[in-house]
PDB file of N, CA and C in Angstrom:
ATOM      1  N   MET A   1     -13.729  12.040 -30.310  1.00  0.00           N
ATOM      2  CA  MET A   1     -12.803  11.369 -29.601  1.00  0.00           C
ATOM      3  C   MET A   1     -12.750  10.161 -30.299  1.00  0.00           C
ATOM      4  N   ASP A   2     -11.842   8.739 -30.378  1.00  0.00           N
ATOM      5  CA  ASP A   2     -11.630   8.015 -30.391  1.00  0.00           C
ATOM      6  C   ASP A   2     -11.065   7.726 -28.756  1.00  0.00           C
ATOM      7  N   GLU A   3     -11.884   6.123 -28.507  1.00  0.00           N
ATOM      8  CA  GLU A   3     -11.539   5.429 -27.304  1.00  0.00           C
ATOM      9  C   GLU A   3     -10.407   4.269 -27.319  1.00  0.00           C
ATOM     10  N   GLN A   4      -9.302   4.834 -26.169  1.00  0.00           N
ATOM     11  CA  GLN A   4      -7.619   5.186 -26.138  1.00  0.00           C
ATOM     12  C   GLN A   4      -7.951   2.805 -25.861  1.00  0.00           C
ATOM     13  N   GLU A   5      -7.548   2.739 -26.344  1.00  0.00           N
ATOM     14  CA  GLU A   5      -7.009   0.762 -26.167  1.00  0.00           C
ATOM     15  C   GLU A   5      -6.397   0.595 -25.379  1.00  0.00           C
ATOM     16  N   ASP A   6      -5.241   1.602 -24.639  1.00  0.00           N
ATOM     17  CA  ASP A   6      -4.013   1.308 -23.726  1.00  0.00           C
ATOM     18  C   ASP A   6      -4.649   1.817 -22.523  1.00  0.00           C
ATOM     19  N   ARG A   7      -5.544   2.482 -21.767  1.00  0.00           N
ATOM     20  CA  ARG A   7      -6.664   3.170 -21.166  1.00  0.00           C
ATOM     21  C   ARG A   7      -7.004   1.804 -20.024  1.00  0.00           C
ATOM     22  N   GLN A   8      -6.737   1.617 -18.617  1.00  0.00           N
ATOM     23  CA  GLN A   8      -7.069   0.311 -17.969  1.00  0.00           C
ATOM     24  C   GLN A   8      -8.166   1.698 -17.063  1.00  0.00           C
ATOM     25  N   ALA A   9      -9.226   0.953 -16.951  1.00  0.00           N
ATOM     26  CA  ALA A   9     -10.278   1.178 -16.490  1.00  0.00           C
ATOM     27  C   ALA A   9      -9.558   1.896 -14.329  1.00  0.00           C
ATOM     28  N   GLY A  10     -10.065   3.028 -14.339  1.00  0.00           N
ATOM     29  CA  GLY A  10     -10.206   3.273 -12.534  1.00  0.00           C
ATOM     30  C   GLY A  10      -8.727   3.761 -13.090  1.00  0.00           C
ATOM     31  N   ILE A  11      -7.554   4.281 -14.398  1.00  0.00           N
ATOM     32  CA  ILE A  11      -6.431   4.552 -13.395  1.00  0.00           C
ATOM     33  C   ILE A  11      -6.059   5.474 -14.856  1.00  0.00           C
ATOM     34  N   ALA A  12      -5.715   6.668 -14.507  1.00  0.00           N
ATOM     35  CA  ALA A  12      -5.924   8.523 -15.147  1.00  0.00           C
ATOM     36  C   ALA A  12      -4.660   7.825 -15.606  1.00  0.00           C
ATOM     37  N   GLY A  13      -4.570   8.963 -17.433  1.00  0.00           N
ATOM     38  CA  GLY A  13      -3.888   8.267 -18.347  1.00  0.00           C
ATOM     39  C   GLY A  13      -3.705   7.109 -18.994  1.00  0.00           C
ATOM     40  N   GLU A  14      -2.613   7.317 -20.007  1.00  0.00           N
ATOM     41  CA  GLU A  14      -2.019   5.563 -20.430  1.00  0.00           C
ATOM     42  C   GLU A  14      -0.982   5.529 -19.421  1.00  0.00           C
ATOM     43  N   SER A  15      -1.245   4.129 -20.304  1.00  0.00           N
ATOM     44  CA  SER A  15       0.279   3.542 -19.620  1.00  0.00           C
ATOM     45  C   SER A  15       0.039   2.209 -20.634  1.00  0.00           C
ATOM     46  N   ASP A  16       1.939   1.322 -20.817  1.00  0.00           N
ATOM     47  CA  ASP A  16       1.947   0.490 -22.268  1.00  0.00           C
ATOM     48  C   ASP A  16       2.321  -1.058 -21.000  1.00  0.00           C
ATOM     49  N   HIS A  17       1.392  -0.512 -19.502  1.00  0.00           N
ATOM     50  CA  HIS A  17       1.320  -1.935 -19.332  1.00  0.00           C
ATOM     51  C   HIS A  17       0.450  -1.708 -18.357  1.00  0.00           C
ATOM     52  N   HIS A  18      -0.043  -3.164 -17.448  1.00  0.00           N
ATOM     53  CA  HIS A  18      -0.790  -2.970 -16.548  1.00  0.00           C
ATOM     54  C   HIS A  18      -0.510  -2.598 -15.598  1.00  0.00           C
ATOM     55  N   GLN A  19      -1.358  -1.724 -14.477  1.00  0.00           N
ATOM     56  CA  GLN A  19      -1.196  -1.186 -13.323  1.00  0.00           C
ATOM     57  C   GLN A  19      -1.308  -1.723 -12.017  1.00  0.00           C
ATOM     58  N   HIS A  20      -1.260  -2.246 -11.182  1.00  0.00           N
ATOM     59  CA  HIS A  20      -1.229  -3.085 -10.001  1.00  0.00           C
ATOM     60  C   HIS A  20      -2.227  -1.609  -8.953  1.00  0.00           C
ATOM     61  N   ARG A  21      -3.253  -1.922  -8.596  1.00  0.00           N
ATOM     62  CA  ARG A  21      -3.717  -0.766  -7.604  1.00  0.00           C
ATOM     63  C   ARG A  21      -4.756  -1.766  -6.717  1.00  0.00           C
ATOM     64  N   ALA A  22      -4.596  -1.011  -5.349  1.00  0.00           N
ATOM     65  CA  ALA A  22      -5.296  -1.790  -4.080  1.00  0.00           C
ATOM     66  C   ALA A  22      -6.545  -1.487  -4.311  1.00  0.00           C
ATOM     67  N   GLY A  23      -7.337  -3.123  -3.246  1.00  0.00           N
ATOM     68  CA  GLY A  23      -8.633  -3.095  -3.106  1.00  0.00           C
ATOM     69  C   GLY A  23      -9.550  -1.876  -3.204  1.00  0.00           C
ATOM     70  N   GLU A  24     -11.522  -1.688  -3.076  1.00  0.00           N
ATOM     71  CA  GLU A  24     -11.864  -1.046  -2.291  1.00  0.00           C
ATOM     72  C   GLU A  24     -11.869  -1.378  -1.210  1.00  0.00           C
ATOM     73  N   GLY A  25     -11.607   0.294  -0.707  1.00  0.00           N
ATOM     74  CA  GLY A  25     -11.510   0.347   1.342  1.00  0.00           C
ATOM     75  C   GLY A  25     -10.592   0.248   1.533  1.00  0.00           C
ATOM     76  N   GLU A  26      -9.321   0.253   0.562  1.00  0.00           N
ATOM     77  CA  GLU A  26      -7.420  -0.103   1.023  1.00  0.00           C
ATOM     78  C   GLU A  26      -6.985   0.955   0.630  1.00  0.00           C
ATOM     79  N   GLY A  27      -5.716   1.594   1.460  1.00  0.00           N
ATOM     80  CA  GLY A  27      -4.953   1.946   1.181  1.00  0.00           C
ATOM     81  C   GLY A  27      -5.559   3.706   1.539  1.00  0.00           C
ATOM     82  N   VAL A  28      -5.337   4.526   0.193  1.00  0.00           N
ATOM     83  CA  VAL A  28      -5.314   5.779   0.141  1.00  0.00           C
ATOM     84  C   VAL A  28      -7.721   5.608   0.462  1.00  0.00           C
ATOM     85  N   ARG A  29      -7.871   4.774  -0.309  1.00  0.00           N
ATOM     86  CA  ARG A  29      -9.961   4.448  -0.162  1.00  0.00           C
ATOM     87  C   ARG A  29     -10.078   3.930   1.675  1.00  0.00           C
ATOM     88  N   ALA A  30      -9.083   3.391   2.239  1.00  0.00           N
ATOM     89  CA  ALA A  30      -9.481   3.271   3.541  1.00  0.00           C
ATOM     90  C   ALA A  30     -10.084   3.575   4.563  1.00  0.00           C
ATOM     91  N   PRO A  31     -10.985   3.153   5.205  1.00  0.00           N
ATOM     92  CA  PRO A  31     -11.563   4.633   6.287  1.00  0.00           C
ATOM     93  C   PRO A  31     -11.298   5.318   6.856  1.00  0.00           C
ATOM     94  N   TYR A  32     -11.015   6.371   7.499  1.00  0.00           N
ATOM     95  CA  TYR A  32     -10.496   6.949   8.378  1.00  0.00           C
ATOM     96  C   TYR A  32     -10.502   6.035   9.806  1.00  0.00           C
ATOM     97  N   VAL A  33      -9.182   7.015  10.070  1.00  0.00           N
ATOM     98  CA  VAL A  33      -9.312   6.223  11.757  1.00  0.00           C
ATOM     99  C   VAL A  33     -10.337   6.370  12.654  1.00  0.00           C
ATOM    100  N   GLU A  34     -10.791   7.380  12.610  1.00  0.00           N
ATOM    101  CA  GLU A  34     -11.674   7.898  13.343  1.00  0.00           C
ATOM    102  C   GLU A  34     -12.700   6.919  13.387  1.00  0.00           C
ATOM    103  N   GLU A  35     -13.327   7.083  12.343  1.00  0.00           N
ATOM    104  CA  GLU A  35     -14.692   5.952  11.771  1.00  0.00           C
ATOM    105  C   GLU A  35     -14.084   4.348  11.624  1.00  0.00           C
ATOM    106  N   GLY A  36     -13.011   3.747  12.727  1.00  0.00           N
ATOM    107  CA  GLY A  36     -12.739   2.650  12.998  1.00  0.00           C
ATOM    108  C   GLY A  36     -12.232   1.870  12.215  1.00  0.00           C
ATOM    109  N   GLY A  37     -11.204   3.012  11.577  1.00  0.00           N
ATOM    110  CA  GLY A  37     -10.028   1.914  10.997  1.00  0.00           C
ATOM    111  C   GLY A  37      -8.678   1.815  11.535  1.00  0.00           C
ATOM    112  N   VAL A  38      -8.429   1.514  10.325  1.00  0.00           N
ATOM    113  CA  VAL A  38      -6.748   1.880  10.588  1.00  0.00           C
ATOM    114  C   VAL A  38      -5.920   2.315  10.228  1.00  0.00           C
ATOM    115  N   ALA A  39      -4.873   3.130  10.434  1.00  0.00           N
ATOM    116  CA  ALA A  39      -4.311   3.432   9.537  1.00  0.00           C
ATOM    117  C   ALA A  39      -3.343   3.343   8.437  1.00  0.00           C
ATOM    118  N   GLU A  40      -4.111   3.950   7.546  1.00  0.00           N
ATOM    119  CA  GLU A  40      -3.321   3.567   6.236  1.00  0.00           C
ATOM    120  C   GLU A  40      -2.950   4.458   4.433  1.00  0.00           C
ATOM    121  N   MET A  41      -2.215   4.105   4.813  1.00  0.00           N
ATOM    122  CA  MET A  41      -2.091   5.231   2.957  1.00  0.00           C
ATOM    123  C   MET A  41      -1.325   4.313   1.816  1.00  0.00           C
ATOM    124  N   SER A  42      -1.025   4.896   0.194  1.00  0.00           N
ATOM    125  CA  SER A  42      -0.388   4.021  -0.698  1.00  0.00           C
ATOM    126  C   SER A  42       0.739   5.139  -1.287  1.00  0.00           C
ATOM    127  N   VAL A  43       1.516   4.654  -1.174  1.00  0.00           N
ATOM    128  CA  VAL A  43       2.797   4.366  -2.299  1.00  0.00           C
ATOM    129  C   VAL A  43       2.536   3.761  -3.468  1.00  0.00           C
ATOM    130  N   PHE A  44       3.489   4.837  -4.470  1.00  0.00           N
ATOM    131  CA  PHE A  44       2.820   4.626  -5.703  1.00  0.00           C
ATOM    132  C   PHE A  44       4.764   3.983  -6.369  1.00  0.00           C
ATOM    133  N   ASP A  45       5.450   2.974  -6.927  1.00  0.00           N
ATOM    134  CA  ASP A  45       6.182   3.061  -7.496  1.00  0.00           C
ATOM    135  C   ASP A  45       6.502   3.908  -8.798  1.00  0.00           C
ATOM    136  N   GLY A  46       7.870   3.530  -9.104  1.00  0.00           N
ATOM    137  CA  GLY A  46       7.797   4.653 -10.909  1.00  0.00           C
ATOM    138  C   GLY A  46       7.142   4.243 -11.545  1.00  0.00           C
ATOM    139  N   ALA A  47       6.597   2.375 -11.667  1.00  0.00           N
ATOM    140  CA  ALA A  47       5.690   2.540 -12.872  1.00  0.00           C
ATOM    141  C   ALA A  47       4.327   2.969 -12.958  1.00  0.00           C
ATOM    142  N   GLY A  48       3.758   3.250 -11.219  1.00  0.00           N
ATOM    143  CA  GLY A  48       2.369   3.515 -10.984  1.00  0.00           C
ATOM    144  C   GLY A  48       1.534   2.140 -10.898  1.00  0.00           C
ATOM    145  N   ASN A  49       2.182   1.510 -10.017  1.00  0.00           N
ATOM    146  CA  ASN A  49       1.810   0.829  -8.789  1.00  0.00           C
ATOM    147  C   ASN A  49       1.341   0.908  -7.979  1.00  0.00           C
ATOM    148  N   GLU A  50       0.364  -0.120  -6.969  1.00  0.00           N
ATOM    149  CA  GLU A  50       0.019   1.103  -5.224  1.00  0.00           C
ATOM    150  C   GLU A  50       0.479   0.057  -4.412  1.00  0.00           C
ATOM    151  N   SER A  51       1.038   0.552  -3.417  1.00  0.00           N
ATOM    152  CA  SER A  51       0.612  -0.784  -2.708  1.00  0.00           C
ATOM    153  C   SER A  51       0.298   0.170  -1.239  1.00  0.00           C
ATOM    154  N   VAL A  52      -0.044  -1.057  -0.725  1.00  0.00           N
ATOM    155  CA  VAL A  52      -0.627  -0.250   0.887  1.00  0.00           C
ATOM    156  C   VAL A  52      -0.079   0.258   1.888  1.00  0.00           C
ATOM    157  N   VAL A  53      -0.532   0.756   2.600  1.00  0.00           N
ATOM    158  CA  VAL A  53       0.836   0.822   3.964  1.00  0.00           C
ATOM    159  C   VAL A  53      -0.093   1.271   4.675  1.00  0.00           C
ATOM    160  N   ARG A  54       0.283   0.102   5.737  1.00  0.00           N
ATOM    161  CA  ARG A  54      -0.027  -0.172   7.318  1.00  0.00           C
ATOM    162  C   ARG A  54       0.145  -0.080   8.150  1.00  0.00           C
ATOM    163  N   LEU A  55      -0.130   1.074   9.212  1.00  0.00           N
ATOM    164  CA  LEU A  55       1.112   0.847  10.763  1.00  0.00           C
ATOM    165  C   LEU A  55       0.252  -0.021  11.831  1.00  0.00           C
ATOM    166  N   SER A  56       1.313  -0.531  12.392  1.00  0.00           N
ATOM    167  CA  SER A  56       0.868  -1.279  13.230  1.00  0.00           C
ATOM    168  C   SER A  56       1.675  -0.679  13.927  1.00  0.00           C
ATOM    169  N   THR A  57       1.523  -0.992  15.976  1.00  0.00           N
ATOM    170  CA  THR A  57       2.080  -0.543  16.725  1.00  0.00           C
ATOM    171  C   THR A  57       2.129  -2.390  17.920  1.00  0.00           C
ATOM    172  N   ASP A  58       2.577  -2.443  18.468  1.00  0.00           N
ATOM    173  CA  ASP A  58       2.840  -3.781  19.418  1.00  0.00           C
ATOM    174  C   ASP A  58       3.127  -3.401  20.686  1.00  0.00           C
ATOM    175  N   ALA A  59       2.945  -4.273  21.598  1.00  0.00           N
ATOM    176  CA  ALA A  59       2.268  -4.078  23.376  1.00  0.00           C
ATOM    177  C   ALA A  59       4.061  -2.775  23.523  1.00  0.00           C
ATOM    178  N   ASP A  60       4.848  -3.096  23.863  1.00  0.00           N
ATOM    179  CA  ASP A  60       6.064  -2.557  23.776  1.00  0.00           C
ATOM    180  C   ASP A  60       5.803  -0.782  22.922  1.00  0.00           C
ATOM    181  N   GLY A  61       4.444  -0.393  22.239  1.00  0.00           N
ATOM    182  CA  GLY A  61       4.649   0.610  21.378  1.00  0.00           C
ATOM    183  C   GLY A  61       5.982   1.019  20.160  1.00  0.00           C
ATOM    184  N   ASN A  62       6.145   0.262  20.205  1.00  0.00           N
ATOM    185  CA  ASN A  62       7.184   0.190  18.859  1.00  0.00           C
ATOM    186  C   ASN A  62       6.275   0.255  17.836  1.00  0.00           C
ATOM    187  N   SER A  63       6.539   1.203  16.213  1.00  0.00           N
ATOM    188  CA  SER A  63       5.875   0.899  15.811  1.00  0.00           C
ATOM    189  C   SER A  63       6.524   0.531  14.172  1.00  0.00           C
ATOM    190  N   ALA A  64       5.606  -0.103  13.367  1.00  0.00           N
ATOM    191  CA  ALA A  64       5.915  -0.297  11.931  1.00  0.00           C
ATOM    192  C   ALA A  64       5.462   0.253  11.303  1.00  0.00           C
ATOM    193  N   GLN A  65       5.661   0.233   9.850  1.00  0.00           N
ATOM    194  CA  GLN A  65       5.107   0.663   8.727  1.00  0.00           C
ATOM    195  C   GLN A  65       5.134  -0.923   7.496  1.00  0.00           C
ATOM    196  N   GLY A  66       3.938  -1.621   7.360  1.00  0.00           N
ATOM    197  CA  GLY A  66       4.358  -2.694   6.407  1.00  0.00           C
ATOM    198  C   GLY A  66       3.912  -2.445   5.450  1.00  0.00           C
ATOM    199  N   THR A  67       4.054  -3.066   4.506  1.00  0.00           N
ATOM    200  CA  THR A  67       3.155  -2.357   2.696  1.00  0.00           C
ATOM    201  C   THR A  67       2.882  -4.031   2.116  1.00  0.00           C
ATOM    202  N   GLY A  68       2.362  -3.660   1.280  1.00  0.00           N
ATOM    203  CA  GLY A  68       1.882  -5.300   0.220  1.00  0.00           C
ATOM    204  C   GLY A  68       0.637  -4.168  -0.137  1.00  0.00           C
ATOM    205  N   PRO A  69       0.578  -5.311  -1.348  1.00  0.00           N
ATOM    206  CA  PRO A  69      -0.475  -5.101  -2.554  1.00  0.00           C
ATOM    207  C   PRO A  69      -1.254  -4.837  -2.313  1.00  0.00           C
ATOM    208  N   SER A  70      -1.725  -5.793  -0.927  1.00  0.00           N
ATOM    209  CA  SER A  70      -3.512  -5.646  -0.017  1.00  0.00           C
ATOM    210  C   SER A  70      -3.191  -5.154   1.488  1.00  0.00           C
ATOM    211  N   SER A  71      -4.507  -4.204   1.744  1.00  0.00           N
ATOM    212  CA  SER A  71      -4.615  -4.309   3.518  1.00  0.00           C
ATOM    213  C   SER A  71      -3.941  -4.830   4.240  1.00  0.00           C
ATOM    214  N   GLU A  72      -4.612  -6.932   4.285  1.00  0.00           N
ATOM    215  CA  GLU A  72      -3.947  -8.149   4.380  1.00  0.00           C
ATOM    216  C   GLU A  72      -1.999  -8.346   4.663  1.00  0.00           C
ATOM    217  N   ALA A  73      -2.159  -8.282   3.537  1.00  0.00           N
ATOM    218  CA  ALA A  73      -0.304  -8.169   2.920  1.00  0.00           C
ATOM    219  C   ALA A  73       0.607  -6.895   3.560  1.00  0.00           C
ATOM    220  N   ALA A  74      -0.571  -5.832   3.346  1.00  0.00           N
ATOM    221  CA  ALA A  74       0.640  -4.845   4.353  1.00  0.00           C
ATOM    222  C   ALA A  74       0.473  -5.000   6.027  1.00  0.00           C
ATOM    223  N   ALA A  75      -0.877  -5.376   6.472  1.00  0.00           N
ATOM    224  CA  ALA A  75      -0.094  -6.009   7.809  1.00  0.00           C
ATOM    225  C   ALA A  75       0.026  -6.977   7.948  1.00  0.00           C
ATOM    226  N   ASP A  76       0.645  -8.202   7.513  1.00  0.00           N
ATOM    227  CA  ASP A  76       1.306  -9.050   8.044  1.00  0.00           C
ATOM    228  C   ASP A  76       3.131  -8.533   8.231  1.00  0.00           C
ATOM    229  N   ASP A  77       3.103  -7.758   7.009  1.00  0.00           N
ATOM    230  CA  ASP A  77       4.905  -7.172   6.665  1.00  0.00           C
ATOM    231  C   ASP A  77       4.534  -6.110   8.244  1.00  0.00           C
ATOM    232  N   ALA A  78       3.842  -5.586   8.604  1.00  0.00           N
ATOM    233  CA  ALA A  78       4.420  -4.423   9.670  1.00  0.00           C
ATOM    234  C   ALA A  78       4.281  -5.522  10.868  1.00  0.00           C
ATOM    235  N   GLU A  79       3.324  -6.629  10.224  1.00  0.00           N
ATOM    236  CA  GLU A  79       3.145  -7.492  12.281  1.00  0.00           C
ATOM    237  C   GLU A  79       4.686  -8.512  11.888  1.00  0.00           C
ATOM    238  N   SER A  80       5.610  -8.789  10.766  1.00  0.00           N
ATOM    239  CA  SER A  80       6.868  -9.408  10.559  1.00  0.00           C
ATOM    240  C   SER A  80       7.833  -8.006  10.671  1.00  0.00           C
ATOM    241  N   LEU A  81       7.939  -6.779  10.790  1.00  0.00           N
ATOM    242  CA  LEU A  81       8.785  -5.999  10.813  1.00  0.00           C
ATOM    243  C   LEU A  81       8.313  -6.082  12.459  1.00  0.00           C
ATOM    244  N   LEU A  82       7.518  -5.804  13.242  1.00  0.00           N
ATOM    245  CA  LEU A  82       7.730  -6.052  14.547  1.00  0.00           C
ATOM    246  C   LEU A  82       8.375  -6.891  15.134  1.00  0.00           C
ATOM    247  N   LYS A  83       7.765  -8.110  14.669  1.00  0.00           N
ATOM    248  CA  LYS A  83       8.639  -9.549  15.553  1.00  0.00           C
ATOM    249  C   LYS A  83       9.702  -9.435  15.096  1.00  0.00           C
ATOM    250  N   LYS A  84      10.791  -9.008  13.839  1.00  0.00           N
ATOM    251  CA  LYS A  84      11.939  -9.243  13.581  1.00  0.00           C
ATOM    252  C   LYS A  84      13.166  -7.842  14.406  1.00  0.00           C
ATOM    253  N   ALA A  85      11.675  -6.735  14.276  1.00  0.00           N
ATOM    254  CA  ALA A  85      12.693  -5.927  15.082  1.00  0.00           C
ATOM    255  C   ALA A  85      14.256  -4.813  14.438  1.00  0.00           C
ATOM    256  N   ARG A  86      13.658  -5.834  12.928  1.00  0.00           N
ATOM    257  CA  ARG A  86      15.264  -4.727  12.629  1.00  0.00           C
ATOM    258  C   ARG A  86      15.012  -3.556  11.836  1.00  0.00           C
ATOM    259  N   ARG A  87      13.678  -3.087  12.020  1.00  0.00           N
ATOM    260  CA  ARG A  87      13.200  -1.802  10.760  1.00  0.00           C
ATOM    261  C   ARG A  87      12.266  -1.777  10.901  1.00  0.00           C
ATOM    262  N   GLY A  88      11.659  -0.363  10.529  1.00  0.00           N
ATOM    263  CA  GLY A  88      10.306  -0.253  11.382  1.00  0.00           C
ATOM    264  C   GLY A  88       9.813   0.215   8.832  1.00  0.00           C
ATOM    265  N   LEU A  89       9.682  -0.158   8.219  1.00  0.00           N
ATOM    266  CA  LEU A  89       9.598   0.012   6.927  1.00  0.00           C
ATOM    267  C   LEU A  89       9.482  -1.067   6.014  1.00  0.00           C
ATOM    268  N   GLY A  90       8.286  -1.234   5.395  1.00  0.00           N
ATOM    269  CA  GLY A  90       8.376  -2.194   4.420  1.00  0.00           C
ATOM    270  C   GLY A  90       8.817  -1.817   3.383  1.00  0.00           C
ATOM    271  N   GLU A  91       9.089  -3.200   2.267  1.00  0.00           N
ATOM    272  CA  GLU A  91      10.189  -2.963   0.907  1.00  0.00           C
ATOM    273  C   GLU A  91       9.842  -1.972   0.433  1.00  0.00           C
ATOM    274  N   ALA A  92       8.383  -1.708  -0.285  1.00  0.00           N
ATOM    275  CA  ALA A  92       7.838  -0.448  -0.406  1.00  0.00           C
ATOM    276  C   ALA A  92       8.624   0.752  -0.633  1.00  0.00           C
ATOM    277  N   PHE A  93       9.090   1.042   0.398  1.00  0.00           N
ATOM    278  CA  PHE A  93       9.373   2.879   0.867  1.00  0.00           C
ATOM    279  C   PHE A  93      11.196   2.703   0.068  1.00  0.00           C
ATOM    280  N   GLY A  94      11.611   1.562  -0.340  1.00  0.00           N
ATOM    281  CA  GLY A  94      13.228   1.306  -0.724  1.00  0.00           C
ATOM    282  C   GLY A  94      13.210   1.147  -2.273  1.00  0.00           C
ATOM    283  N   PRO A  95      14.597   0.802  -2.771  1.00  0.00           N
ATOM    284  CA  PRO A  95      15.201   1.641  -3.796  1.00  0.00           C
ATOM    285  C   PRO A  95      14.280  -0.186  -4.391  1.00  0.00           C
ATOM    286  N   VAL A  96      13.604  -0.197  -5.698  1.00  0.00           N
ATOM    287  CA  VAL A  96      13.250  -1.373  -6.224  1.00  0.00           C
ATOM    288  C   VAL A  96      14.735  -1.983  -6.798  1.00  0.00           C
ATOM    289  N   HIS A  97      14.009  -3.742  -6.660  1.00  0.00           N
ATOM    290  CA  HIS A  97      14.693  -5.272  -6.690  1.00  0.00           C
ATOM    291  C   HIS A  97      14.384  -5.817  -7.524  1.00  0.00           C
TER     292      HIS A  97
END
C-alpha cells in the first residue's frame, strides 16, 4: 500500500488540513490526579483540533474549566474565568467563533 501524503504523524485517519494536538503529558495524556497531576481532559472541535481542559478551584470553592491549546493556556484561562466570576467554562465549550 502506498504511503498517504495527507496523513499527519500521530493523527488517526486522513485530513485535508493540519490538526492541532496538545503536547506530551497534556490533556488526555496528563498524569492522573492521584499521581500528583491536575484534573485535565481534552475536547475536540469539528475540525479535529484538540483543546486542553483544566479544572481550577479558588479559595472560596468556586471552580472553572479553562480551555486552551496547552495545559498552561488552559490554566491561565481557568484563573481568568474565576477572577471574572461570569462563567465557569472556557471558550472551547461554546460555538466556534
